[in-house]
Protein backbone atom coordinates (compact mmCIF):
# COMPACT_ATOMS: atom_id res chain seq x y z
CA MET A 1 0.00 0.00 0.00
CA ILE A 2 1.27 3.44 -0.92
CA LYS A 3 2.14 5.88 1.90
CA MET A 4 -0.24 8.78 2.50
CA ASP A 5 2.34 11.48 1.80
CA LYS A 6 3.99 9.82 -1.20
CA LEU A 7 3.65 11.69 -4.47
CA ILE A 8 1.41 10.13 -7.09
CA ARG A 9 0.72 11.18 -10.67
CA LEU A 10 -2.79 12.52 -11.13
CA SER A 11 -4.59 13.31 -14.35
CA CYS A 12 -7.69 15.41 -14.99
CA PRO A 13 -9.50 15.43 -18.33
CA CYS A 14 -11.37 18.61 -19.19
CA LEU A 15 -13.44 20.05 -22.01
CA PHE A 16 -11.35 21.33 -24.91
CA GLY A 17 -10.66 25.03 -24.46
CA LEU A 18 -10.64 25.03 -20.64
CA GLU A 19 -7.06 23.83 -20.13
CA SER A 20 -5.77 27.24 -18.98
CA VAL A 21 -8.58 27.62 -16.44
CA LEU A 22 -8.04 24.11 -15.05
CA SER A 23 -4.25 24.66 -14.84
CA TYR A 24 -4.80 27.63 -12.55
CA GLU A 25 -7.21 25.62 -10.37
CA ILE A 26 -4.75 22.73 -10.05
CA LYS A 27 -1.90 25.03 -9.00
CA LYS A 28 -4.20 26.61 -6.43
CA ILE A 29 -4.76 23.25 -4.66
CA GLY A 30 -1.03 22.45 -4.65
CA GLY A 31 -0.59 20.38 -7.81
CA GLU A 32 2.99 20.33 -9.11
CA ASN A 33 4.86 19.50 -12.33
CA LEU A 34 1.86 20.16 -14.56
CA LYS A 35 1.81 18.73 -18.07
CA VAL A 36 -0.88 20.25 -20.28
CA THR A 37 -2.19 18.47 -23.37
CA ASP A 38 -5.40 18.98 -25.34
CA GLY A 39 -8.27 18.12 -23.03
CA LYS A 40 -6.11 16.82 -20.16
CA ILE A 41 -3.73 18.00 -17.44
CA SER A 42 -1.41 15.68 -15.51
CA PHE A 43 0.27 16.72 -12.25
CA ASP A 44 1.94 15.45 -9.07
CA GLY A 45 0.29 15.37 -5.67
CA ASP A 46 -0.46 13.14 -2.69
CA PHE A 47 -3.73 11.74 -1.33
CA ASN A 48 -4.54 15.13 0.20
CA THR A 49 -4.20 16.71 -3.24
CA LEU A 50 -6.39 13.95 -4.68
CA ALA A 51 -9.19 14.72 -2.20
CA LYS A 52 -8.88 18.47 -2.77
CA ALA A 53 -8.93 17.95 -6.55
CA ASN A 54 -12.25 16.09 -6.38
CA ILE A 55 -13.82 18.61 -4.03
CA TRP A 56 -12.43 21.86 -5.49
CA LEU A 57 -11.80 21.54 -9.23
CA SER A 58 -14.72 23.17 -11.02
CA THR A 59 -13.59 22.54 -14.63
CA ALA A 60 -12.16 19.00 -14.38
CA GLU A 61 -14.32 16.12 -15.62
CA ARG A 62 -12.82 13.64 -13.15
CA VAL A 63 -9.65 12.90 -11.16
CA LEU A 64 -7.59 9.90 -12.24
CA ILE A 65 -4.50 8.26 -10.76
CA GLU A 66 -2.01 7.54 -13.53
CA ILE A 67 -0.59 4.09 -12.77
CA GLY A 68 1.80 3.95 -15.73
CA SER A 69 2.41 4.40 -19.44
CA PHE A 70 4.25 2.27 -22.02
CA GLU A 71 4.37 1.32 -25.71
CA ALA A 72 2.05 -1.52 -26.73
CA LYS A 73 1.85 -2.64 -30.36
CA SER A 74 0.91 -6.23 -29.53
CA PHE A 75 -1.29 -7.96 -26.96
CA GLU A 76 1.83 -9.47 -25.38
CA GLU A 77 3.35 -6.00 -24.92
CA LEU A 78 0.05 -4.79 -23.46
CA PHE A 79 -0.12 -7.75 -21.06
CA GLN A 80 3.46 -7.45 -19.86
CA GLY A 81 3.27 -3.65 -19.59
CA VAL A 82 0.16 -3.80 -17.40
CA LYS A 83 1.51 -6.69 -15.32
CA SER A 84 4.59 -4.61 -14.44
CA LEU A 85 2.54 -1.82 -12.83
CA PRO A 86 2.11 -1.54 -9.02
CA PHE A 87 -1.65 -2.09 -8.73
CA GLU A 88 -1.22 -3.48 -5.20
CA ASN A 89 -0.55 0.10 -4.05
CA PHE A 90 -4.23 0.83 -4.62
CA ILE A 91 -6.20 -2.43 -5.09
CA GLY A 92 -6.74 -4.78 -2.15
CA LYS A 93 -7.61 -8.49 -2.06
CA GLN A 94 -11.38 -7.93 -2.00
CA ASP A 95 -11.57 -4.83 -4.15
CA ALA A 96 -13.42 -4.78 -7.49
CA PHE A 97 -11.45 -3.57 -10.52
CA PRO A 98 -13.58 -3.40 -13.69
CA VAL A 99 -11.81 -2.21 -16.84
CA LYS A 100 -12.92 0.23 -19.54
CA GLY A 101 -11.19 2.50 -22.04
CA TYR A 102 -10.53 3.37 -25.66
CA SER A 103 -8.00 2.92 -28.45
CA LEU A 104 -7.23 5.52 -31.10
CA ASN A 105 -4.83 5.37 -34.06
CA SER A 106 -3.15 2.26 -32.67
CA ALA A 107 -2.30 -1.28 -33.76
CA LEU A 108 -4.44 -2.60 -30.89
CA HIS A 109 -7.83 -1.33 -32.02
CA SER A 110 -10.23 -3.88 -30.47
CA VAL A 111 -11.40 -2.34 -27.18
CA PRO A 112 -13.05 -5.56 -25.84
CA ASP A 113 -9.83 -7.52 -26.46
CA CYS A 114 -7.76 -4.83 -24.76
CA GLN A 115 -10.14 -4.85 -21.77
CA SER A 116 -9.75 -8.61 -21.45
CA ILE A 117 -5.95 -8.53 -21.69
CA ILE A 118 -5.64 -5.71 -19.15
CA LYS A 119 -7.95 -7.48 -16.70
CA LYS A 120 -5.95 -10.73 -16.99
CA ALA A 121 -2.67 -8.88 -16.50
CA ILE A 122 -3.90 -7.16 -13.32
CA VAL A 123 -5.18 -10.48 -11.97
CA GLU A 124 -1.82 -12.14 -12.64
CA ARG A 125 -0.01 -9.27 -10.93
CA LEU A 126 -2.21 -9.39 -7.84
CA LYS A 127 -2.18 -13.19 -7.66
CA GLY A 128 1.59 -13.04 -7.29
CA ILE A 129 1.44 -10.25 -4.72
CA TYR A 130 -1.37 -11.63 -2.53
CA GLY A 131 -0.74 -15.34 -3.04
CA ILE A 132 -4.35 -16.11 -3.97
CA ASN A 133 -5.90 -17.53 -7.14
CA TRP A 134 -9.42 -16.09 -6.94
CA PHE A 135 -10.67 -12.52 -6.53
CA ASP A 136 -14.35 -12.25 -5.55
CA GLU A 137 -14.27 -8.45 -6.07
CA SER A 138 -16.82 -7.85 -3.33
CA GLY A 139 -15.09 -4.74 -1.95
CA SER A 140 -15.01 -1.13 -3.09
CA VAL A 141 -14.86 -0.37 -6.81
CA HIS A 142 -11.52 0.72 -8.28
CA GLN A 143 -12.45 1.56 -11.86
CA VAL A 144 -9.51 0.89 -14.17
CA GLN A 145 -9.40 3.10 -17.26
CA PHE A 146 -7.04 2.79 -20.20
CA SER A 147 -6.20 4.90 -23.21
CA ILE A 148 -4.18 3.60 -26.14
CA HIS A 149 -3.21 6.46 -28.41
CA LYS A 150 -0.67 6.05 -31.21
CA ASP A 151 0.45 2.76 -29.63
CA ILE A 152 1.12 4.32 -26.20
CA ALA A 153 -0.97 2.69 -23.48
CA THR A 154 -1.72 4.64 -20.31
CA ILE A 155 -3.46 3.00 -17.35
CA PHE A 156 -5.47 4.96 -14.80
CA LEU A 157 -7.65 4.46 -11.72
CA ASP A 158 -10.75 6.67 -11.53
CA THR A 159 -11.14 8.25 -8.08
CA SER A 160 -14.26 10.32 -8.84
CA GLY A 161 -16.97 7.83 -9.80
CA ALA A 162 -19.71 9.91 -11.37
CA GLY A 163 -18.28 12.76 -13.46
CA LEU A 164 -17.35 15.89 -11.54
CA HIS A 165 -19.90 17.92 -13.51
CA LYS A 166 -22.51 16.15 -11.39
CA ARG A 167 -22.40 18.54 -8.45
CA GLY A 168 -25.57 17.15 -6.93
CA TYR A 169 -27.81 20.20 -7.42
CA ARG A 170 -29.11 19.56 -10.94
CA ARG A 171 -31.05 16.31 -10.79
CA ASN A 172 -33.37 17.61 -13.50
CA SER A 173 -32.64 19.90 -16.43
CA ASN A 174 -34.33 21.47 -19.41
CA ALA A 175 -33.88 20.50 -23.05
CA ALA A 176 -30.53 22.20 -23.75
CA PRO A 177 -28.54 22.54 -20.52
CA ILE A 178 -24.99 23.79 -20.44
CA LYS A 179 -22.59 21.42 -18.72
CA GLU A 180 -21.65 22.54 -15.21
CA THR A 181 -17.91 22.28 -15.85
CA LEU A 182 -18.23 24.40 -19.00
CA ALA A 183 -20.33 27.02 -17.22
CA ALA A 184 -17.74 27.16 -14.42
CA GLY A 185 -14.97 27.73 -16.96
CA ILE A 186 -16.85 30.59 -18.63
CA VAL A 187 -17.61 32.11 -15.22
CA ASP A 188 -13.89 32.00 -14.46
CA LEU A 189 -13.02 33.64 -17.79
CA ALA A 190 -15.51 36.42 -16.94
CA ARG A 191 -13.73 37.03 -13.63
CA VAL A 192 -16.74 36.79 -11.36
CA ARG A 193 -15.82 38.05 -7.89
CA SER A 194 -17.36 38.11 -4.40
CA ASN A 195 -19.09 41.45 -5.06
CA SER A 196 -20.22 40.72 -8.64
CA THR A 197 -23.77 41.05 -9.93
CA VAL A 198 -24.67 38.45 -12.54
CA PHE A 199 -27.58 38.17 -14.99
CA ASP A 200 -28.87 35.39 -17.23
CA PRO A 201 -31.86 36.42 -19.37
CA MET A 202 -32.51 32.82 -20.49
CA CYS A 203 -31.54 30.93 -17.35
CA GLY A 204 -32.95 27.48 -18.22
CA SER A 205 -31.97 25.29 -15.26
CA GLY A 206 -29.83 28.02 -13.66
CA THR A 207 -26.38 26.56 -14.23
CA PHE A 208 -24.61 29.85 -15.04
CA LEU A 209 -26.12 31.54 -12.00
CA ILE A 210 -25.30 28.71 -9.59
CA GLU A 211 -21.74 28.26 -10.86
CA SER A 212 -21.28 32.04 -10.57
CA ALA A 213 -22.42 31.88 -6.95
CA TYR A 214 -20.02 29.03 -6.25
CA LYS A 215 -17.14 31.00 -7.75
CA ALA A 216 -18.04 34.30 -6.07
CA LEU A 217 -18.55 32.81 -2.61
CA ASN A 218 -15.61 30.36 -2.86
CA ILE A 219 -17.87 27.31 -2.50
CA ALA A 220 -16.13 24.09 -3.53
CA PRO A 221 -18.32 22.52 -6.25
CA GLY A 222 -17.81 18.97 -4.95
CA LEU A 223 -18.66 19.77 -1.36
CA ARG A 224 -22.17 18.27 -1.54
CA ARG A 225 -21.33 14.92 -3.18
CA ASN A 226 -19.33 11.75 -2.61
CA PHE A 227 -16.54 10.19 -4.66
CA ALA A 228 -15.55 6.62 -5.54
CA ALA A 229 -12.21 6.80 -3.69
CA GLN A 230 -13.93 7.66 -0.41
CA SER A 231 -14.71 3.94 -0.01
CA TRP A 232 -11.11 2.86 -0.70
CA THR A 233 -9.36 1.45 2.35
CA GLN A 234 -6.08 2.72 0.91
CA ILE A 235 -7.03 6.34 1.69
CA ASP A 236 -7.61 7.33 5.31
CA ASP A 237 -11.07 8.79 6.01
CA LYS A 238 -9.32 11.72 7.72
CA VAL A 239 -7.98 12.87 4.34
CA TRP A 240 -11.53 13.43 3.06
CA ALA A 241 -12.77 14.85 6.38
CA ASP A 242 -9.93 17.39 6.51
CA ALA A 243 -10.45 18.43 2.87
CA ARG A 244 -14.18 18.97 3.44
CA ALA A 245 -13.60 20.87 6.68
CA GLU A 246 -11.14 23.16 4.90
CA ALA A 247 -13.64 23.72 2.08
CA LEU A 248 -16.41 24.61 4.53
CA GLU A 249 -14.11 27.02 6.36
CA SER A 250 -13.16 28.69 3.06
CA ILE A 251 -16.71 29.74 2.10
CA ASP A 252 -17.12 33.50 1.89
CA ARG A 253 -20.33 33.92 3.85
CA LEU A 254 -20.16 37.72 3.72
CA GLY A 255 -19.84 38.03 -0.06
CA GLU A 256 -22.11 40.64 -1.65
CA PHE A 257 -22.67 38.56 -4.77
CA LYS A 258 -26.14 38.73 -6.36
CA ALA A 259 -27.62 36.94 -9.35
CA PHE A 260 -30.77 37.54 -11.38
CA GLY A 261 -32.24 34.98 -13.74
CA PHE A 262 -35.14 35.23 -16.17
CA ASP A 263 -36.87 32.77 -18.46
CA ILE A 264 -40.03 32.86 -20.54
CA ASP A 265 -40.90 29.36 -19.32
CA ASP A 266 -42.49 29.08 -15.86
CA ALA A 267 -41.16 25.52 -15.54
CA ALA A 268 -37.59 26.78 -16.09
CA VAL A 269 -38.07 29.41 -13.39
CA GLU A 270 -39.23 26.76 -10.91
CA LEU A 271 -36.40 24.44 -11.94
CA THR A 272 -33.75 27.13 -11.41
CA GLN A 273 -35.18 28.01 -8.01
CA SER A 274 -35.19 24.34 -7.01
CA ASN A 275 -31.63 23.75 -8.22
CA ALA A 276 -30.38 26.89 -6.44
CA ARG A 277 -31.87 25.66 -3.16
CA LYS A 278 -30.23 22.25 -3.60
CA ALA A 279 -26.93 24.01 -4.32
CA GLY A 280 -27.23 26.01 -1.10
CA VAL A 281 -27.24 29.40 -2.86
CA GLY A 282 -30.98 30.04 -3.15
CA SER A 283 -30.77 33.22 -1.05
CA LYS A 284 -28.34 34.78 -3.53
CA LEU A 285 -30.53 34.28 -6.62
CA VAL A 286 -33.63 36.16 -7.76
CA ILE A 287 -35.48 34.24 -10.50
CA LYS A 288 -38.49 35.57 -12.41
CA GLN A 289 -40.60 34.72 -15.45
CA SER A 290 -39.92 37.25 -18.19
CA ASP A 291 -39.52 37.51 -21.95
CA ILE A 292 -36.17 38.63 -23.41
CA SER A 293 -37.84 41.70 -24.93
CA ARG A 294 -38.26 43.11 -21.39
CA PHE A 295 -34.71 42.37 -20.22
CA LYS A 296 -32.55 45.23 -19.00
CA GLN A 297 -29.01 44.80 -17.71
CA SER A 298 -27.88 47.09 -14.91
CA GLU A 299 -24.54 48.90 -14.74
CA ASN A 300 -21.53 47.06 -13.29
CA SER A 301 -22.91 43.59 -13.92
CA ILE A 302 -21.97 40.53 -15.97
CA THR A 303 -24.42 38.78 -18.29
CA PHE A 304 -24.14 35.11 -19.28
CA CYS A 305 -26.34 33.46 -21.85
CA ASN A 306 -26.72 30.06 -23.50
CA PRO A 307 -29.53 30.94 -25.94
CA PRO A 308 -31.55 28.17 -27.61
CA TYR A 309 -30.34 26.96 -30.97
CA GLY A 310 -32.04 24.80 -33.57
CA GLU A 311 -31.02 21.79 -35.60
CA ARG A 312 -33.91 21.93 -38.08
CA MET A 313 -34.35 24.84 -40.47
CA LEU A 314 -37.45 26.29 -38.79
CA GLU A 315 -35.82 26.08 -35.35
CA ILE A 316 -32.66 27.75 -36.71
CA LYS A 317 -34.76 30.65 -38.05
CA ASP A 318 -36.45 31.01 -34.67
CA ALA A 319 -33.06 31.00 -32.94
CA GLU A 320 -31.73 33.68 -35.29
CA LEU A 321 -34.74 35.85 -34.53
CA LEU A 322 -34.01 35.37 -30.84
CA TYR A 323 -30.38 36.45 -31.35
CA LYS A 324 -31.66 39.69 -32.92
CA LYS A 325 -33.89 40.33 -29.91
CA LEU A 326 -30.95 39.62 -27.62
CA GLY A 327 -28.85 42.12 -29.56
CA ASP A 328 -31.59 44.75 -29.15
CA ARG A 329 -31.65 44.31 -25.37
CA LEU A 330 -27.94 43.90 -24.62
CA ASN A 331 -25.50 46.76 -24.98
CA PRO A 332 -22.18 45.29 -23.82
CA SER A 333 -19.43 47.54 -22.49
CA LYS A 334 -16.55 47.47 -20.03
CA GLU A 335 -19.09 48.06 -17.25
CA ARG A 336 -21.60 45.54 -18.68
CA PRO A 337 -19.61 42.61 -20.11
CA CYS A 338 -21.52 39.79 -21.81
CA TYR A 339 -20.52 36.16 -22.42
CA ILE A 340 -22.72 34.27 -24.87
CA ILE A 341 -22.15 30.67 -25.98
CA THR A 342 -23.73 29.15 -29.08
CA PRO A 343 -22.85 26.72 -31.88
CA HIS A 344 -24.21 29.16 -34.48
CA GLU A 345 -21.23 30.30 -36.59
CA GLU A 346 -22.93 33.56 -37.65
CA PHE A 347 -24.23 34.61 -34.25
CA GLU A 348 -22.51 38.01 -34.43
CA ARG A 349 -24.36 38.91 -37.64
CA PHE A 350 -27.77 38.36 -36.04
CA PHE A 351 -26.74 39.77 -32.64
CA GLY A 352 -25.54 42.89 -34.46
CA LYS A 353 -22.25 43.30 -32.60
CA LYS A 354 -18.80 41.84 -33.23
CA ALA A 355 -17.30 40.13 -30.20
CA ASP A 356 -14.16 41.52 -28.59
CA LYS A 357 -12.89 37.96 -28.41
CA ARG A 358 -14.05 34.49 -29.45
CA ARG A 359 -13.10 31.17 -27.91
CA LYS A 360 -13.83 27.70 -29.26
CA LEU A 361 -15.38 25.47 -26.61
CA TYR A 362 -17.31 22.21 -26.53
CA ASN A 363 -20.63 21.73 -24.73
CA GLY A 364 -20.53 17.95 -24.55
CA MET A 365 -19.92 16.91 -28.16
CA ILE A 366 -21.27 20.15 -29.64
CA LYS A 367 -18.64 22.58 -30.96
CA CYS A 368 -19.52 26.09 -29.82
CA GLN A 369 -18.11 29.58 -29.81
CA LEU A 370 -17.97 31.73 -26.71
CA TYR A 371 -18.59 35.31 -27.81
CA MET A 372 -17.00 37.64 -25.28
CA TYR A 373 -17.95 41.32 -25.08
CA PHE A 374 -16.01 43.27 -22.47
CA LYS A 375 -14.79 46.57 -23.99
């Protein structure tokens, strides 16, 4: 078993375009020796860092332990490479260790075959370590993940369980929600602070408003949920207790942050109010039913918006009409910055204003542009 203070290599996937935001977050919790690649950041830390990463990182999709990496062009190389890795540091005699992953641009392209080989290799490794021939896997789950990219196999253990975007407050959502991790990244780019005032004229399920409140009041986004590694006997319960206690102590309870959300749909208004209460920030949000044509942004405030978009021609026309209305009501400036995300490539033409900056982001699998107005 690995010592509590020994450095381990951690890896956090993120949505493309949020790497710089996540890098800052990782450094803030004490991560060291960062390596940034597209959609992923690897770094060094101990079990305390691991717990903090799960609780604090707002733009990471999950927190993985990187067990090892090696070249594998054949099943024999895959088997031997996996067998050489120190799984006993993390997986006990009774623990379950299911395997999943992917292969891309590699000689080993059959994912089911790779899963089978990796599972057998781990079993052989642990049989030799523990001196037993059968693993009933009745203990806590240690999800093994693998990636094989250009013949380089990397093996991970998932410590998060459900993706970190599942904060616990949004059990229901409307038709086109923005992912929590993406909203958090945009909120960070907009530099929301403890005294900020935030608007969302089409609030949907309230994600922008809630993530803004979390950022402004320094509320750790994972504070209200549990993680897979909490049930691992290899990590002392005190590690998680201390990380949560620190997060609770860090909340800015005196922050002057305020948020106002509007939606034409009464159901969306109720949903946002419900989600805000579950998130513990209901007192900071004012949510009302209102059409975009009546929206007015106050001075010294930040507006976020994820306007509806269509996939069929009629829906696209409706969306474009909505963008025009939005352009009529919003007059972005240095004192009234606006951040609008949409997959529509010609949004600026219908909105009527050219963005000060654009940033390519992905909402799930949908390629979008973040149109930033701040001058």
